[in-house]
């Protein structure tokens, strides 16, 4: 852990000051040390992909990051594991998941195609729909169109949607 003494600091907040410790986290996962960073290796195959199986990488405050595909049913278990590991290491009273949309600090070059360069673009900054976010043609488990649809082999869009409905209810 990079913050020596943090668990003791949090325990001090709880026991001596009757205060709570809330954590803010961003779901963007650093990919600068892919072989040694467990949140990255644990999530292999769960990232939003730019094309095929190539993960979309966007610049965020820790540096280049990949983004969990929260439409993939396996992403829920992945994210739960990451949060449980974090909580068992430090302990928290609550969690704020910030920037749950793939938000980047700068514009990313996207492939030229009908999704990233539609014939009509509303009045948006720089005349571009992917300002500081993922490319519109990025692949996710369930998308709005057949081109974007990349569900696991043993799943269908209807099954994924039904599973999601059961979890929400």
Foldseek 3Di string as FASTA:
>chain_A
DPDPCQLVVQVCCVPVVVDFFEEEEEQWADCPPQVPDVLNVLCQPQFFAQDDRHFDWAQDVVGTTTGGQVLAPVVVVSVVVVVVVVCVVRNGPYYHHPCNAAFHPAADDHDDDCQFDPPDAPPDPPSGPQGRHHRRQTAHCDDDDPSNHNNPPVDDPVRSVVVVVVVVD
